[in-house]
Amino acid sequence: MDISEAMGLIVGLIGTGIAIYQWAVINESKKRKNELQYILAGINASAIQKQTAWQNQISLLQQPKTPEEWRIAQLCVRARDDVTEIGNLTSALEGTIDTENSAIVSMMDKHKKIVEKAKELHESAGIPQKLESQENVPEKP
């Protein structure tokens, strides 16, 4: 084997090594990208749940009459708006990671399927459907 053949073999081995390394880096970055998307989707889901909880608290408030009641109402609305902003930011960040695939949409689709499956199971068992948010909620005085 002369020097040019040896150099060609070395260059070929180096090129193969680089291609394998690039494949591994790309493959690992795709995994990490999905992990980051699902972390942001989880934060988004939590923010949406907190937004709903704050909205429920706001709906239970009486019409504010005193400065203290106004302050409490403003704090509740501010808390709701803050978690809404967190939800919007996580949605925007998650969308920039992969514009073609959304972990938030995927999680919502999965949740929808779970809710539909639970509804089917309740119906097949003859269990009446009742909205939990309407149970045990005292009427406003």
N, C-alpha and C. Protein backbone atom coordinates (compact mmCIF):
# COMPACT_ATOMS: atom_id res chain seq x y z
N MET A 1 0.87 -1.16 0.00
CA MET A 1 0.00 0.00 0.00
C MET A 1 0.91 1.22 0.00
N ASP A 2 0.72 2.11 -0.97
CA ASP A 2 1.54 3.31 -1.01
C ASP A 2 0.92 4.41 -0.17
N ILE A 3 1.59 5.52 -0.08
CA ILE A 3 1.21 6.61 0.80
C ILE A 3 -0.13 7.22 0.40
N SER A 4 -0.42 7.30 -0.90
CA SER A 4 -1.68 7.90 -1.33
C SER A 4 -2.87 7.01 -0.95
N GLU A 5 -2.68 5.69 -1.03
CA GLU A 5 -3.75 4.79 -0.61
C GLU A 5 -3.97 4.89 0.90
N ALA A 6 -2.88 4.98 1.63
CA ALA A 6 -2.97 5.11 3.09
C ALA A 6 -3.66 6.41 3.46
N MET A 7 -3.30 7.50 2.78
CA MET A 7 -3.93 8.79 3.06
C MET A 7 -5.42 8.75 2.72
N GLY A 8 -5.76 8.10 1.59
CA GLY A 8 -7.15 7.97 1.20
C GLY A 8 -7.95 7.18 2.24
N LEU A 9 -7.33 6.12 2.77
CA LEU A 9 -7.98 5.31 3.80
C LEU A 9 -8.18 6.12 5.08
N ILE A 10 -7.17 6.88 5.47
CA ILE A 10 -7.26 7.71 6.68
C ILE A 10 -8.34 8.78 6.51
N VAL A 11 -8.35 9.44 5.35
CA VAL A 11 -9.36 10.46 5.09
C VAL A 11 -10.75 9.83 5.09
N GLY A 12 -10.89 8.64 4.50
CA GLY A 12 -12.17 7.94 4.50
C GLY A 12 -12.63 7.59 5.90
N LEU A 13 -11.72 7.13 6.74
CA LEU A 13 -12.05 6.80 8.14
C LEU A 13 -12.45 8.05 8.91
N ILE A 14 -11.71 9.14 8.68
CA ILE A 14 -12.03 10.40 9.36
C ILE A 14 -13.40 10.89 8.90
N GLY A 15 -13.68 10.82 7.59
CA GLY A 15 -14.98 11.24 7.06
C GLY A 15 -16.11 10.41 7.62
N THR A 16 -15.89 9.10 7.72
CA THR A 16 -16.90 8.21 8.30
C THR A 16 -17.13 8.55 9.77
N GLY A 17 -16.04 8.80 10.49
CA GLY A 17 -16.15 9.19 11.91
C GLY A 17 -16.92 10.48 12.08
N ILE A 18 -16.66 11.45 11.22
CA ILE A 18 -17.37 12.73 11.28
C ILE A 18 -18.85 12.53 10.98
N ALA A 19 -19.16 11.71 9.99
CA ALA A 19 -20.57 11.45 9.64
C ALA A 19 -21.29 10.77 10.80
N ILE A 20 -20.65 9.81 11.45
CA ILE A 20 -21.26 9.14 12.60
C ILE A 20 -21.46 10.13 13.74
N TYR A 21 -20.46 10.98 13.98
CA TYR A 21 -20.57 11.99 15.04
C TYR A 21 -21.72 12.95 14.75
N GLN A 22 -21.82 13.42 13.48
CA GLN A 22 -22.89 14.34 13.11
C GLN A 22 -24.25 13.67 13.30
N TRP A 23 -24.38 12.42 12.90
CA TRP A 23 -25.64 11.70 13.07
C TRP A 23 -26.00 11.63 14.56
N ALA A 24 -25.01 11.33 15.40
CA ALA A 24 -25.27 11.22 16.84
C ALA A 24 -25.67 12.56 17.43
N VAL A 25 -25.01 13.63 17.02
CA VAL A 25 -25.34 14.97 17.53
C VAL A 25 -26.75 15.38 17.10
N ILE A 26 -27.06 15.15 15.83
CA ILE A 26 -28.40 15.51 15.33
C ILE A 26 -29.46 14.68 16.04
N ASN A 27 -29.22 13.39 16.19
CA ASN A 27 -30.18 12.51 16.85
C ASN A 27 -30.39 12.93 18.31
N GLU A 28 -29.31 13.24 19.01
CA GLU A 28 -29.41 13.66 20.41
C GLU A 28 -30.11 15.01 20.53
N SER A 29 -29.81 15.93 19.62
CA SER A 29 -30.47 17.24 19.70
C SER A 29 -31.96 17.13 19.44
N LYS A 30 -32.39 16.20 18.59
CA LYS A 30 -33.82 15.99 18.37
C LYS A 30 -34.49 15.49 19.65
N LYS A 31 -33.81 14.59 20.36
CA LYS A 31 -34.35 14.10 21.64
C LYS A 31 -34.49 15.25 22.63
N ARG A 32 -33.44 16.05 22.75
CA ARG A 32 -33.45 17.16 23.69
C ARG A 32 -34.49 18.20 23.30
N LYS A 33 -34.66 18.40 22.00
CA LYS A 33 -35.65 19.36 21.52
C LYS A 33 -37.05 18.92 21.98
N ASN A 34 -37.35 17.64 21.82
CA ASN A 34 -38.66 17.13 22.24
C ASN A 34 -38.82 17.23 23.75
N GLU A 35 -37.76 16.95 24.49
CA GLU A 35 -37.83 17.06 25.95
C GLU A 35 -38.15 18.49 26.35
N LEU A 36 -37.46 19.44 25.74
CA LEU A 36 -37.70 20.86 26.06
C LEU A 36 -39.11 21.27 25.68
N GLN A 37 -39.59 20.79 24.52
CA GLN A 37 -40.96 21.11 24.12
C GLN A 37 -41.96 20.59 25.15
N TYR A 38 -41.77 19.38 25.64
CA TYR A 38 -42.73 18.82 26.60
C TYR A 38 -42.62 19.48 27.97
N ILE A 39 -41.44 19.95 28.33
CA ILE A 39 -41.32 20.72 29.58
C ILE A 39 -42.13 22.01 29.46
N LEU A 40 -41.96 22.71 28.34
CA LEU A 40 -42.71 23.96 28.12
C LEU A 40 -44.21 23.67 28.02
N ALA A 41 -44.58 22.56 27.40
CA ALA A 41 -46.00 22.20 27.30
C ALA A 41 -46.58 21.92 28.68
N GLY A 42 -45.80 21.30 29.55
CA GLY A 42 -46.26 21.05 30.91
C GLY A 42 -46.46 22.34 31.69
N ILE A 43 -45.54 23.28 31.52
CA ILE A 43 -45.67 24.59 32.16
C ILE A 43 -46.91 25.29 31.62
N ASN A 44 -47.13 25.19 30.31
CA ASN A 44 -48.31 25.80 29.69
C ASN A 44 -49.58 25.20 30.26
N ALA A 45 -49.64 23.89 30.37
CA ALA A 45 -50.85 23.23 30.91
C ALA A 45 -51.10 23.67 32.35
N SER A 46 -50.04 23.78 33.13
CA SER A 46 -50.18 24.23 34.51
C SER A 46 -50.68 25.67 34.56
N ALA A 47 -50.17 26.52 33.69
CA ALA A 47 -50.60 27.92 33.65
C ALA A 47 -52.07 28.01 33.27
N ILE A 48 -52.51 27.18 32.34
CA ILE A 48 -53.93 27.19 31.95
C ILE A 48 -54.81 26.75 33.11
N GLN A 49 -54.36 25.73 33.85
CA GLN A 49 -55.13 25.28 35.01
C GLN A 49 -55.20 26.37 36.07
N LYS A 50 -54.09 27.06 36.30
CA LYS A 50 -54.09 28.15 37.29
C LYS A 50 -54.96 29.31 36.82
N GLN A 51 -54.96 29.59 35.53
CA GLN A 51 -55.81 30.65 34.99
C GLN A 51 -57.27 30.32 35.25
N THR A 52 -57.65 29.07 35.02
CA THR A 52 -59.02 28.64 35.28
C THR A 52 -59.35 28.75 36.77
N ALA A 53 -58.42 28.34 37.62
CA ALA A 53 -58.65 28.42 39.07
C ALA A 53 -58.85 29.87 39.50
N TRP A 54 -58.02 30.78 39.00
CA TRP A 54 -58.17 32.20 39.36
C TRP A 54 -59.49 32.75 38.81
N GLN A 55 -59.87 32.35 37.59
CA GLN A 55 -61.13 32.81 37.03
C GLN A 55 -62.29 32.32 37.88
N ASN A 56 -62.20 31.09 38.38
CA ASN A 56 -63.25 30.57 39.26
C ASN A 56 -63.33 31.39 40.55
N GLN A 57 -62.19 31.77 41.10
CA GLN A 57 -62.19 32.59 42.31
C GLN A 57 -62.79 33.96 42.03
N ILE A 58 -62.45 34.54 40.88
CA ILE A 58 -62.99 35.85 40.52
C ILE A 58 -64.50 35.77 40.38
N SER A 59 -65.00 34.69 39.80
CA SER A 59 -66.46 34.57 39.61
C SER A 59 -67.20 34.42 40.93
N LEU A 60 -66.51 34.01 41.99
CA LEU A 60 -67.14 33.89 43.30
C LEU A 60 -67.17 35.20 44.09
N LEU A 61 -66.39 36.18 43.61
CA LEU A 61 -66.34 37.46 44.32
C LEU A 61 -67.65 38.22 44.17
N GLN A 62 -68.01 38.91 45.25
CA GLN A 62 -69.15 39.82 45.18
C GLN A 62 -68.69 41.12 44.55
N GLN A 63 -69.64 41.93 44.14
CA GLN A 63 -69.29 43.24 43.59
C GLN A 63 -68.54 44.02 44.67
N PRO A 64 -67.29 44.44 44.39
CA PRO A 64 -66.52 45.16 45.42
C PRO A 64 -67.16 46.50 45.77
N LYS A 65 -67.16 46.79 47.09
CA LYS A 65 -67.75 48.04 47.57
C LYS A 65 -66.74 48.87 48.35
N THR A 66 -65.86 48.20 49.06
CA THR A 66 -64.88 48.92 49.87
C THR A 66 -63.53 48.93 49.15
N PRO A 67 -62.62 49.83 49.54
CA PRO A 67 -61.29 49.83 48.94
C PRO A 67 -60.56 48.49 49.12
N GLU A 68 -60.77 47.84 50.26
CA GLU A 68 -60.14 46.54 50.51
C GLU A 68 -60.67 45.48 49.55
N GLU A 69 -61.98 45.48 49.32
CA GLU A 69 -62.58 44.52 48.39
C GLU A 69 -62.10 44.78 46.96
N TRP A 70 -61.94 46.07 46.61
CA TRP A 70 -61.41 46.41 45.29
C TRP A 70 -59.97 45.91 45.14
N ARG A 71 -59.19 46.05 46.21
CA ARG A 71 -57.79 45.60 46.17
C ARG A 71 -57.73 44.08 45.99
N ILE A 72 -58.59 43.36 46.69
CA ILE A 72 -58.62 41.90 46.56
C ILE A 72 -59.03 41.50 45.14
N ALA A 73 -60.05 42.16 44.59
CA ALA A 73 -60.49 41.86 43.23
C ALA A 73 -59.37 42.14 42.22
N GLN A 74 -58.68 43.26 42.40
CA GLN A 74 -57.58 43.60 41.50
C GLN A 74 -56.45 42.58 41.59
N LEU A 75 -56.15 42.11 42.80
CA LEU A 75 -55.11 41.09 42.96
C LEU A 75 -55.49 39.78 42.28
N CYS A 76 -56.74 39.40 42.39
CA CYS A 76 -57.21 38.17 41.74
C CYS A 76 -57.10 38.29 40.21
N VAL A 77 -57.53 39.43 39.67
CA VAL A 77 -57.46 39.63 38.23
C VAL A 77 -55.99 39.68 37.78
N ARG A 78 -55.16 40.33 38.56
CA ARG A 78 -53.73 40.40 38.23
C ARG A 78 -53.09 39.01 38.23
N ALA A 79 -53.44 38.19 39.22
CA ALA A 79 -52.91 36.82 39.28
C ALA A 79 -53.35 36.03 38.05
N ARG A 80 -54.63 36.15 37.68
CA ARG A 80 -55.13 35.46 36.49
C ARG A 80 -54.38 35.92 35.24
N ASP A 81 -54.19 37.22 35.10
CA ASP A 81 -53.50 37.77 33.94
C ASP A 81 -52.03 37.34 33.90
N ASP A 82 -51.39 37.25 35.07
CA ASP A 82 -49.99 36.83 35.12
C ASP A 82 -49.82 35.38 34.66
N VAL A 83 -50.69 34.48 35.12
CA VAL A 83 -50.55 33.09 34.68
C VAL A 83 -50.95 32.95 33.21
N THR A 84 -51.86 33.79 32.73
CA THR A 84 -52.18 33.79 31.30
C THR A 84 -50.96 34.17 30.49
N GLU A 85 -50.22 35.16 30.96
CA GLU A 85 -49.01 35.60 30.28
C GLU A 85 -47.96 34.49 30.26
N ILE A 86 -47.82 33.78 31.36
CA ILE A 86 -46.88 32.66 31.41
C ILE A 86 -47.28 31.60 30.39
N GLY A 87 -48.58 31.30 30.31
CA GLY A 87 -49.06 30.34 29.33
C GLY A 87 -48.76 30.78 27.90
N ASN A 88 -49.00 32.05 27.61
CA ASN A 88 -48.72 32.57 26.27
C ASN A 88 -47.23 32.52 25.94
N LEU A 89 -46.40 32.87 26.90
CA LEU A 89 -44.95 32.85 26.66
C LEU A 89 -44.44 31.43 26.43
N THR A 90 -44.90 30.47 27.23
CA THR A 90 -44.44 29.09 27.03
C THR A 90 -44.93 28.55 25.69
N SER A 91 -46.12 28.94 25.29
CA SER A 91 -46.63 28.51 23.99
C SER A 91 -45.76 29.08 22.86
N ALA A 92 -45.41 30.34 22.98
CA ALA A 92 -44.56 30.97 21.96
C ALA A 92 -43.18 30.32 21.92
N LEU A 93 -42.60 30.07 23.08
CA LEU A 93 -41.27 29.44 23.13
C LEU A 93 -41.31 28.03 22.57
N GLU A 94 -42.34 27.28 22.94
CA GLU A 94 -42.46 25.90 22.46
C GLU A 94 -42.60 25.88 20.94
N GLY A 95 -43.31 26.85 20.41
CA GLY A 95 -43.51 26.93 18.97
C GLY A 95 -42.24 27.25 18.19
N THR A 96 -41.30 27.95 18.82
CA THR A 96 -40.07 28.29 18.11
C THR A 96 -39.10 27.11 18.04
N ILE A 97 -39.28 26.12 18.90
CA ILE A 97 -38.38 24.96 18.90
C ILE A 97 -38.62 24.10 17.66
N ASP A 98 -39.88 23.85 17.35
CA ASP A 98 -40.23 23.06 16.17
C ASP A 98 -41.58 23.57 15.68
N THR A 99 -41.55 24.30 14.58
CA THR A 99 -42.78 24.92 14.08
C THR A 99 -43.73 23.90 13.46
N GLU A 100 -43.23 22.72 13.11
CA GLU A 100 -44.07 21.71 12.48
C GLU A 100 -44.79 20.82 13.49
N ASN A 101 -44.20 20.62 14.67
CA ASN A 101 -44.77 19.74 15.69
C ASN A 101 -44.88 20.48 17.01
N SER A 102 -46.04 20.38 17.62
CA SER A 102 -46.27 21.08 18.88
C SER A 102 -46.58 20.08 19.99
N ALA A 103 -45.80 20.13 21.04
CA ALA A 103 -46.05 19.27 22.20
C ALA A 103 -47.32 19.71 22.91
N ILE A 104 -47.62 21.00 22.89
CA ILE A 104 -48.84 21.51 23.53
C ILE A 104 -50.07 20.93 22.83
N VAL A 105 -50.09 20.97 21.51
CA VAL A 105 -51.22 20.41 20.76
C VAL A 105 -51.30 18.91 20.99
N SER A 106 -50.17 18.24 21.01
CA SER A 106 -50.14 16.80 21.25
C SER A 106 -50.73 16.46 22.62
N MET A 107 -50.34 17.23 23.64
CA MET A 107 -50.88 16.99 24.98
C MET A 107 -52.37 17.28 25.04
N MET A 108 -52.81 18.33 24.35
CA MET A 108 -54.24 18.65 24.33
C MET A 108 -55.04 17.54 23.64
N ASP A 109 -54.50 17.02 22.53
CA ASP A 109 -55.17 15.93 21.83
C ASP A 109 -55.27 14.69 22.72
N LYS A 110 -54.19 14.42 23.45
CA LYS A 110 -54.20 13.26 24.35
C LYS A 110 -55.22 13.47 25.47
N HIS A 111 -55.27 14.67 26.03
CA HIS A 111 -56.24 14.97 27.08
C HIS A 111 -57.67 14.81 26.56
N LYS A 112 -57.91 15.29 25.34
CA LYS A 112 -59.23 15.19 24.74
C LYS A 112 -59.63 13.72 24.60
N LYS A 113 -58.71 12.88 24.16
CA LYS A 113 -59.00 11.45 24.02
C LYS A 113 -59.31 10.82 25.38
N ILE A 114 -58.58 11.22 26.40
CA ILE A 114 -58.82 10.69 27.75
C ILE A 114 -60.20 11.08 28.24
N VAL A 115 -60.57 12.36 28.04
CA VAL A 115 -61.89 12.84 28.47
C VAL A 115 -62.99 12.10 27.71
N GLU A 116 -62.81 11.94 26.40
CA GLU A 116 -63.81 11.22 25.61
C GLU A 116 -63.93 9.77 26.06
N LYS A 117 -62.82 9.13 26.36
CA LYS A 117 -62.83 7.74 26.82
C LYS A 117 -63.54 7.64 28.17
N ALA A 118 -63.27 8.58 29.06
CA ALA A 118 -63.93 8.58 30.37
C ALA A 118 -65.44 8.78 30.20
N LYS A 119 -65.82 9.64 29.28
CA LYS A 119 -67.25 9.87 29.02
C LYS A 119 -67.90 8.59 28.51
N GLU A 120 -67.22 7.90 27.60
CA GLU A 120 -67.75 6.63 27.08
C GLU A 120 -67.91 5.62 28.20
N LEU A 121 -66.92 5.52 29.08
CA LEU A 121 -66.99 4.57 30.18
C LEU A 121 -68.13 4.90 31.13
N HIS A 122 -68.32 6.18 31.41
CA HIS A 122 -69.42 6.61 32.28
C HIS A 122 -70.77 6.28 31.64
N GLU A 123 -70.89 6.56 30.36
CA GLU A 123 -72.15 6.29 29.67
C GLU A 123 -72.45 4.80 29.62
N SER A 124 -71.43 3.99 29.37
CA SER A 124 -71.65 2.54 29.30
C SER A 124 -71.99 1.95 30.67
N ALA A 125 -71.53 2.62 31.72
CA ALA A 125 -71.83 2.16 33.08
C ALA A 125 -73.12 2.78 33.61
N GLY A 126 -73.72 3.69 32.84
CA GLY A 126 -74.96 4.33 33.26
C GLY A 126 -74.77 5.38 34.34
N ILE A 127 -73.57 5.91 34.45
CA ILE A 127 -73.29 6.96 35.45
C ILE A 127 -73.65 8.30 34.83
N PRO A 128 -74.53 9.08 35.49
CA PRO A 128 -74.91 10.39 34.93
C PRO A 128 -73.72 11.35 34.95
N GLN A 129 -73.65 12.15 33.91
CA GLN A 129 -72.57 13.13 33.81
C GLN A 129 -72.95 14.40 34.57
N LYS A 130 -72.03 14.86 35.39
CA LYS A 130 -72.25 16.08 36.16
C LYS A 130 -70.96 16.89 36.11
N LEU A 131 -71.07 18.15 35.87
CA LEU A 131 -69.89 18.99 35.85
C LEU A 131 -69.40 19.20 37.27
N GLU A 132 -68.13 18.85 37.49
CA GLU A 132 -67.58 19.00 38.84
C GLU A 132 -67.58 20.44 39.30
N SER A 133 -67.40 21.38 38.37
CA SER A 133 -67.33 22.78 38.75
C SER A 133 -68.67 23.28 39.28
N GLN A 134 -69.77 22.56 39.02
CA GLN A 134 -71.08 22.97 39.50
C GLN A 134 -71.48 22.26 40.78
N GLU A 135 -70.73 21.23 41.16
CA GLU A 135 -71.03 20.51 42.39
C GLU A 135 -70.49 21.27 43.58
N ASN A 136 -71.21 21.26 44.63
CA ASN A 136 -70.76 21.79 45.91
C ASN A 136 -70.30 23.25 45.85
N VAL A 137 -70.81 24.01 44.91
CA VAL A 137 -70.47 25.42 44.82
C VAL A 137 -71.62 26.20 45.44
N PRO A 138 -71.33 26.88 46.55
CA PRO A 138 -72.42 27.63 47.19
C PRO A 138 -72.82 28.80 46.31
N GLU A 139 -74.09 29.13 46.39
CA GLU A 139 -74.58 30.29 45.64
C GLU A 139 -74.06 31.56 46.30
N LYS A 140 -73.92 32.60 45.49
CA LYS A 140 -73.46 33.89 46.01
C LYS A 140 -74.51 34.45 46.96
N PRO A 141 -74.07 35.01 48.05
CA PRO A 141 -75.05 35.59 49.00
C PRO A 141 -75.68 36.84 48.45
